[in-house]
N, C-alpha and C. Protein backbone atom coordinates (compact mmCIF):
# COMPACT_ATOMS: atom_id res chain seq x y z
N MET A 1 77.69 -5.09 2.53
CA MET A 1 76.68 -4.80 2.47
C MET A 1 75.97 -3.06 2.21
N THR A 2 75.03 -2.98 1.60
CA THR A 2 74.71 -1.47 1.36
C THR A 2 73.67 -1.64 2.21
N LYS A 3 73.31 -0.09 2.59
CA LYS A 3 72.46 0.41 3.63
C LYS A 3 71.02 -0.07 2.84
N MET A 4 70.79 -0.23 1.71
CA MET A 4 69.39 -0.27 1.24
C MET A 4 68.99 -1.74 0.88
N HIS A 5 70.41 -2.48 0.86
CA HIS A 5 70.66 -4.15 1.09
C HIS A 5 69.95 -4.84 2.43
N THR A 6 70.64 -4.17 3.34
CA THR A 6 70.14 -4.02 4.31
C THR A 6 68.56 -4.08 4.91
N LEU A 7 68.55 -2.68 4.60
CA LEU A 7 66.70 -2.22 4.73
C LEU A 7 65.76 -3.19 4.32
N ARG A 8 65.98 -4.05 2.58
CA ARG A 8 65.35 -4.87 1.93
C ARG A 8 64.96 -5.96 2.85
N ARG A 9 66.35 -6.19 3.35
CA ARG A 9 66.08 -8.16 4.34
C ARG A 9 65.21 -7.46 5.21
N LEU A 10 65.23 -6.62 6.12
CA LEU A 10 64.43 -6.24 7.13
C LEU A 10 63.17 -6.43 7.23
N VAL A 11 62.81 -5.51 5.83
CA VAL A 11 61.17 -4.77 5.53
C VAL A 11 60.66 -6.59 4.56
N THR A 12 61.12 -6.97 4.00
CA THR A 12 60.62 -8.83 3.17
C THR A 12 59.91 -9.41 4.56
N PRO A 13 60.36 -9.67 5.25
CA PRO A 13 60.08 -10.85 6.17
C PRO A 13 58.98 -10.35 6.73
N ARG A 14 59.10 -8.91 7.46
CA ARG A 14 57.57 -8.09 8.24
C ARG A 14 56.54 -8.56 7.10
N ILE A 15 56.87 -7.68 5.40
CA ILE A 15 55.50 -7.92 4.89
C ILE A 15 55.03 -9.28 4.86
N GLN A 16 56.26 -10.44 4.67
CA GLN A 16 55.63 -11.75 4.49
C GLN A 16 54.52 -12.13 5.56
N LEU A 17 55.03 -11.47 6.99
CA LEU A 17 54.92 -11.89 8.02
C LEU A 17 53.26 -11.04 8.33
N VAL A 18 52.98 -9.45 7.93
CA VAL A 18 51.63 -9.22 7.49
C VAL A 18 51.03 -9.87 6.68
N ALA A 19 51.51 -10.60 5.53
CA ALA A 19 50.47 -11.00 4.66
C ALA A 19 50.01 -12.06 4.60
N VAL A 20 50.74 -13.01 5.41
CA VAL A 20 50.30 -14.15 6.68
C VAL A 20 49.10 -14.13 7.39
N MET A 21 49.31 -13.00 8.46
CA MET A 21 48.15 -12.94 9.22
C MET A 21 47.36 -12.35 8.39
N THR A 22 47.42 -11.77 7.74
CA THR A 22 45.93 -11.31 7.05
C THR A 22 45.26 -12.40 6.60
N ALA A 23 45.81 -13.19 5.59
CA ALA A 23 45.29 -14.31 5.08
C ALA A 23 44.72 -14.99 6.31
N ALA A 24 45.15 -15.42 7.38
CA ALA A 24 44.68 -15.89 8.59
C ALA A 24 43.54 -15.53 9.29
N ILE A 25 43.56 -14.30 9.48
CA ILE A 25 42.60 -13.62 9.96
C ILE A 25 41.22 -13.52 9.05
N ILE A 26 41.37 -13.57 7.69
CA ILE A 26 40.44 -13.43 6.45
C ILE A 26 40.00 -15.15 6.53
N VAL A 27 40.73 -15.88 6.44
CA VAL A 27 40.44 -17.32 6.90
C VAL A 27 39.53 -17.52 7.88
N ALA A 28 39.95 -17.40 8.99
CA ALA A 28 39.21 -17.42 10.31
C ALA A 28 38.14 -16.95 10.54
N GLY A 29 37.91 -15.69 10.17
CA GLY A 29 36.62 -14.98 10.20
C GLY A 29 35.30 -15.31 9.10
N ARG A 30 36.28 -16.31 8.16
CA ARG A 30 34.98 -16.20 7.14
C ARG A 30 33.84 -17.11 7.40
N GLY A 31 32.76 -16.55 7.05
CA GLY A 31 31.27 -17.13 7.67
C GLY A 31 30.87 -16.38 8.80
N SER A 32 31.42 -15.87 9.71
CA SER A 32 31.16 -14.98 10.94
C SER A 32 30.63 -13.86 10.10
N GLY A 33 31.05 -13.30 9.35
CA GLY A 33 30.65 -11.95 8.93
C GLY A 33 30.41 -10.69 10.06
N TRP A 34 30.06 -9.61 9.82
CA TRP A 34 29.37 -8.54 10.79
C TRP A 34 28.19 -9.04 11.76
N PRO A 35 27.84 -8.65 12.83
CA PRO A 35 26.80 -9.10 13.13
C PRO A 35 25.97 -8.20 12.76
N THR A 36 24.81 -9.11 12.57
CA THR A 36 23.32 -8.40 11.68
C THR A 36 22.57 -8.23 12.58
N LEU A 37 21.81 -6.68 12.32
CA LEU A 37 20.77 -6.64 13.59
C LEU A 37 19.73 -6.90 12.12
N GLN A 38 18.33 -7.23 13.46
CA GLN A 38 17.06 -7.38 12.53
C GLN A 38 16.33 -6.75 13.30
N ALA A 39 14.79 -6.26 11.84
CA ALA A 39 13.98 -5.95 13.05
C ALA A 39 12.93 -6.47 13.79
N GLN A 40 12.74 -6.09 14.99
CA GLN A 40 11.97 -7.11 15.49
C GLN A 40 10.57 -6.46 15.53
N PRO A 41 9.48 -7.47 15.37
CA PRO A 41 8.08 -7.30 15.11
C PRO A 41 7.78 -6.51 16.23
N THR A 42 6.84 -5.11 16.07
CA THR A 42 6.39 -4.10 16.96
C THR A 42 5.17 -4.88 17.48
N THR A 43 5.04 -4.31 19.10
CA THR A 43 4.00 -5.02 19.99
C THR A 43 3.22 -3.63 20.35
N ASN A 44 3.52 -2.80 19.92
CA ASN A 44 3.08 -1.25 20.21
C ASN A 44 1.03 -1.69 19.75
N PRO A 45 0.04 -1.49 20.46
CA PRO A 45 -1.01 -1.71 20.14
C PRO A 45 -1.59 -0.98 19.13
N ILE A 46 -1.00 0.39 19.07
CA ILE A 46 -1.57 1.52 17.88
C ILE A 46 -0.54 1.36 16.58
N VAL A 47 0.66 0.99 16.99
CA VAL A 47 1.07 0.72 15.31
C VAL A 47 0.38 -0.66 14.74
N LEU A 48 -0.04 -1.68 15.42
CA LEU A 48 -0.34 -3.00 14.83
C LEU A 48 -2.07 -2.55 14.36
N GLU A 49 -2.38 -1.78 14.82
CA GLU A 49 -4.22 -0.99 14.69
C GLU A 49 -3.66 -0.44 13.63
N ASN A 50 -3.14 0.24 13.71
CA ASN A 50 -3.27 1.11 12.03
C ASN A 50 -2.62 0.66 10.66
N GLN A 51 -2.15 -0.55 11.01
CA GLN A 51 -1.94 -1.46 9.97
C GLN A 51 -2.74 -2.24 9.37
N ASN A 52 -3.99 -2.25 10.07
CA ASN A 52 -5.04 -2.87 9.94
C ASN A 52 -5.41 -2.04 8.32
N PRO A 53 -6.16 -2.77 7.26
CA PRO A 53 -6.92 -2.34 6.00
C PRO A 53 -8.28 -1.06 6.59
N GLY A 54 -8.02 0.10 5.98
CA GLY A 54 -9.24 0.85 6.32
C GLY A 54 -10.17 1.15 4.99
N SER A 55 -11.24 1.61 5.43
CA SER A 55 -12.20 1.70 4.48
C SER A 55 -12.30 3.40 4.11
N PRO A 56 -12.51 3.12 2.79
CA PRO A 56 -12.21 4.50 1.96
C PRO A 56 -13.40 5.66 2.11
N GLN A 57 -12.75 6.60 2.66
CA GLN A 57 -13.14 7.91 2.59
C GLN A 57 -14.91 7.79 2.21
N SER A 58 -15.06 7.64 0.73
CA SER A 58 -16.74 7.87 0.42
C SER A 58 -17.84 7.02 1.23
N GLU A 59 -17.19 6.02 2.03
CA GLU A 59 -17.80 5.03 2.68
C GLU A 59 -18.30 5.55 3.74
N TRP A 60 -17.73 6.28 4.58
CA TRP A 60 -17.86 6.74 6.27
C TRP A 60 -18.21 8.35 5.81
N ASP A 61 -17.33 9.25 5.26
CA ASP A 61 -17.45 10.27 5.63
C ASP A 61 -19.20 10.76 4.76
N ILE A 62 -19.53 12.30 5.84
CA ILE A 62 -21.21 12.69 5.14
C ILE A 62 -20.71 14.56 4.65
N SER A 63 -21.71 14.84 4.31
CA SER A 63 -21.29 16.22 3.82
C SER A 63 -22.24 16.79 4.98
N GLY A 64 -21.78 18.17 5.38
CA GLY A 64 -22.62 18.97 6.28
C GLY A 64 -23.21 17.98 7.41
N SER A 65 -24.44 18.36 7.71
CA SER A 65 -24.54 17.35 8.65
C SER A 65 -25.67 15.96 8.33
N GLY A 66 -25.41 16.11 7.32
CA GLY A 66 -26.01 14.62 6.65
C GLY A 66 -27.65 14.41 6.47
N ASP A 67 -27.88 13.33 6.50
CA ASP A 67 -29.48 13.36 5.81
C ASP A 67 -30.44 14.08 6.82
N ALA A 68 -31.00 14.89 6.38
CA ALA A 68 -32.37 15.74 7.81
C ALA A 68 -33.23 14.32 7.94
N SER A 69 -33.34 13.29 7.55
CA SER A 69 -34.54 12.57 7.90
C SER A 69 -33.96 11.85 9.07
N ILE A 70 -32.37 11.76 9.59
CA ILE A 70 -31.94 10.65 10.21
C ILE A 70 -31.20 11.71 10.83
N GLN A 71 -31.11 12.22 12.44
CA GLN A 71 -29.63 12.59 12.86
C GLN A 71 -29.47 12.09 14.26
N GLY A 72 -27.97 11.66 14.44
CA GLY A 72 -28.09 11.32 15.81
C GLY A 72 -26.19 11.38 16.59
N TYR A 73 -26.05 11.28 17.40
CA TYR A 73 -24.44 11.26 17.69
C TYR A 73 -24.64 9.97 19.37
N ALA A 74 -23.29 9.68 19.07
CA ALA A 74 -22.89 9.14 20.28
C ALA A 74 -22.72 9.64 21.60
N THR A 75 -22.67 9.54 22.69
CA THR A 75 -23.31 10.77 23.98
C THR A 75 -21.91 10.92 24.36
N ASP A 76 -20.50 9.36 24.09
CA ASP A 76 -19.60 10.10 24.66
C ASP A 76 -18.26 10.56 23.42
N ILE A 77 -17.30 10.93 23.42
CA ILE A 77 -16.52 11.36 22.09
C ILE A 77 -16.08 10.20 21.57
N SER A 78 -15.51 9.31 23.17
CA SER A 78 -14.75 7.72 23.03
C SER A 78 -14.71 7.08 23.86
N VAL A 79 -14.59 5.81 23.75
CA VAL A 79 -14.73 4.75 24.84
C VAL A 79 -13.32 3.95 24.80
N ASN A 80 -13.17 3.43 25.72
CA ASN A 80 -12.17 2.18 25.59
C ASN A 80 -12.74 0.83 25.27
N ARG A 81 -11.55 0.03 24.52
CA ARG A 81 -11.84 -1.19 24.03
C ARG A 81 -12.91 -2.06 25.18
N GLY A 82 -13.87 -2.28 24.48
CA GLY A 82 -15.00 -3.36 25.41
C GLY A 82 -15.71 -2.52 26.14
N GLY A 83 -15.60 -1.22 26.23
CA GLY A 83 -16.82 -0.15 26.92
C GLY A 83 -17.93 0.05 26.46
N THR A 84 -18.69 0.65 26.45
CA THR A 84 -20.04 0.70 26.00
C THR A 84 -20.66 1.96 25.13
N VAL A 85 -21.18 2.01 24.40
CA VAL A 85 -21.61 3.38 23.23
C VAL A 85 -23.04 3.38 23.70
N THR A 86 -23.13 5.19 23.98
CA THR A 86 -24.82 4.98 23.54
C THR A 86 -24.92 6.22 22.89
N PHE A 87 -26.38 5.77 21.59
CA PHE A 87 -26.58 6.76 20.82
C PHE A 87 -27.43 7.34 21.15
N LYS A 88 -28.03 8.71 20.65
CA LYS A 88 -29.22 9.47 20.83
C LYS A 88 -29.48 9.34 19.15
N ILE A 89 -30.77 8.93 18.47
CA ILE A 89 -30.64 9.11 17.03
C ILE A 89 -32.30 9.39 17.19
N LYS A 90 -32.71 10.32 15.96
CA LYS A 90 -33.94 11.08 16.10
C LYS A 90 -34.41 10.85 14.29
N LEU A 91 -35.51 10.00 14.12
CA LEU A 91 -35.65 9.55 13.12
C LEU A 91 -37.03 10.91 12.67
N GLN A 92 -37.40 11.03 11.64
CA GLN A 92 -38.45 12.14 11.03
C GLN A 92 -39.56 11.06 10.95
N PRO A 93 -40.67 11.38 11.38
CA PRO A 93 -41.90 10.09 11.20
C PRO A 93 -42.40 9.93 9.79
N ALA A 94 -41.84 10.87 9.13
CA ALA A 94 -42.29 10.18 7.42
C ALA A 94 -41.38 9.14 7.34
N VAL A 95 -40.19 8.88 7.87
CA VAL A 95 -39.19 7.78 7.69
C VAL A 95 -39.62 6.26 7.78
N VAL A 96 -39.51 5.11 6.79
CA VAL A 96 -40.55 4.25 6.73
C VAL A 96 -39.30 2.91 6.96
N GLY A 97 -39.34 2.08 7.97
CA GLY A 97 -38.47 1.23 8.00
C GLY A 97 -37.52 1.63 8.75
N GLY A 98 -36.13 0.96 9.20
CA GLY A 98 -35.69 1.21 10.12
C GLY A 98 -34.12 1.62 9.70
N TYR A 99 -33.01 1.38 10.47
CA TYR A 99 -31.83 2.24 10.21
C TYR A 99 -30.49 1.20 10.90
N VAL A 100 -29.66 1.33 10.33
CA VAL A 100 -28.21 0.46 10.74
C VAL A 100 -26.91 1.15 11.31
N ILE A 101 -26.43 1.46 12.28
CA ILE A 101 -25.19 2.23 12.72
C ILE A 101 -24.15 1.35 12.82
N ASP A 102 -23.42 2.06 11.39
CA ASP A 102 -21.97 1.36 10.99
C ASP A 102 -21.03 2.16 12.08
N ILE A 103 -20.19 1.37 12.76
CA ILE A 103 -19.13 1.82 13.61
C ILE A 103 -17.67 1.55 13.13
N TYR A 104 -17.22 2.90 13.10
CA TYR A 104 -16.12 3.09 12.86
C TYR A 104 -14.99 3.93 13.46
N ARG A 105 -13.92 2.65 13.61
CA ARG A 105 -12.53 3.50 14.42
C ARG A 105 -11.85 4.40 13.15
N LEU A 106 -11.42 5.45 13.96
CA LEU A 106 -10.83 7.02 13.17
C LEU A 106 -9.34 6.51 13.50
N GLY A 107 -8.24 6.80 12.51
CA GLY A 107 -7.19 6.61 12.27
C GLY A 107 -6.52 6.42 11.11
N TYR A 108 -5.17 6.26 11.13
CA TYR A 108 -4.46 6.34 9.75
C TYR A 108 -4.77 4.97 8.75
N TYR A 109 -4.79 3.90 9.14
CA TYR A 109 -5.04 2.88 7.99
C TYR A 109 -4.82 3.32 6.94
N GLN A 110 -3.48 3.38 6.51
CA GLN A 110 -3.01 3.70 5.04
C GLN A 110 -3.80 4.66 4.43
N GLY A 111 -3.70 5.66 5.25
CA GLY A 111 -4.30 6.80 4.40
C GLY A 111 -5.67 6.83 4.68
N PHE A 112 -6.87 5.89 4.76
CA PHE A 112 -7.82 5.85 4.46
C PHE A 112 -8.62 6.83 5.39
N GLY A 113 -8.13 7.07 6.86
CA GLY A 113 -8.57 7.64 8.21
C GLY A 113 -9.48 7.36 8.58
N ALA A 114 -10.16 5.93 8.34
CA ALA A 114 -11.15 5.19 9.42
C ALA A 114 -11.32 3.44 8.84
N ARG A 115 -11.54 2.96 9.47
CA ARG A 115 -11.96 1.51 9.46
C ARG A 115 -13.25 0.58 10.24
N LYS A 116 -13.77 0.15 9.21
CA LYS A 116 -15.20 -0.19 10.07
C LYS A 116 -14.83 -1.30 10.82
N ILE A 117 -15.25 -1.47 11.90
CA ILE A 117 -15.42 -2.35 13.29
C ILE A 117 -16.91 -3.25 13.05
N THR A 118 -17.77 -2.50 12.94
CA THR A 118 -19.02 -3.32 13.26
C THR A 118 -20.28 -2.71 12.65
N THR A 119 -21.31 -3.37 12.32
CA THR A 119 -22.90 -3.21 11.80
C THR A 119 -23.43 -3.33 13.32
N VAL A 120 -24.16 -2.24 13.69
CA VAL A 120 -25.52 -2.65 14.90
C VAL A 120 -27.14 -2.18 13.88
N VAL A 121 -27.46 -3.52 14.38
CA VAL A 121 -28.97 -3.25 13.94
C VAL A 121 -29.94 -3.41 14.94
N PRO A 122 -30.50 -2.06 14.74
CA PRO A 122 -31.36 -1.79 16.51
C PRO A 122 -32.77 -2.34 16.08
N THR A 123 -33.03 -2.98 17.36
CA THR A 123 -34.32 -3.74 17.67
C THR A 123 -35.25 -2.76 17.13
N ALA A 124 -36.47 -3.50 17.35
CA ALA A 124 -37.88 -2.89 16.69
C ALA A 124 -38.45 -1.98 17.40
N GLN A 125 -37.97 -2.22 18.84
CA GLN A 125 -38.35 -0.97 19.80
C GLN A 125 -37.55 -0.19 20.07
N GLN A 126 -36.38 -0.16 19.87
CA GLN A 126 -35.46 0.89 19.60
C GLN A 126 -35.12 2.02 18.40
N ILE A 127 -36.29 1.41 17.05
CA ILE A 127 -36.40 2.23 15.89
C ILE A 127 -37.87 3.06 16.60
N VAL A 128 -38.74 2.31 17.03
CA VAL A 128 -39.64 2.77 17.55
C VAL A 128 -39.44 4.22 18.43
N ASP A 129 -38.74 3.99 19.48
CA ASP A 129 -38.29 4.90 20.13
C ASP A 129 -37.58 5.91 19.77
N SER A 130 -36.85 5.98 18.70
CA SER A 130 -35.72 7.10 17.67
C SER A 130 -36.93 7.74 16.93
N LYS A 131 -38.40 7.85 16.97
CA LYS A 131 -39.44 8.41 16.22
C LYS A 131 -40.00 9.18 17.14
N ASN A 132 -39.41 9.12 18.40
CA ASN A 132 -40.58 9.90 19.74
C ASN A 132 -39.69 11.14 19.83
């Protein structure tokens, strides 16, 4: 027997053993696959709020100081959820009728920049007070 023949006799069973073990591992692992990671839903309230639909800028933005016949501002820069907002509003005496206050929350909102939260309709007395 030559050295080459002896070497073949030793290598051939090893190759068969490796092939059988590889097939066994593949069959045993079939269906299990690699573990997959799934994204968890976000619970960050800011991220959730910014996913709400926005209002177009043409609806909430003003030019310059706005309409001269009605001027106003909120007395606080910001408030926490559920807090009270106080407004100072001045109507020119020539203004007939009333006004409404549209409340917008500033934020990303898919690039719109703000989202309408609610509309406040002042009482008749509040309208009278704003003309003084």
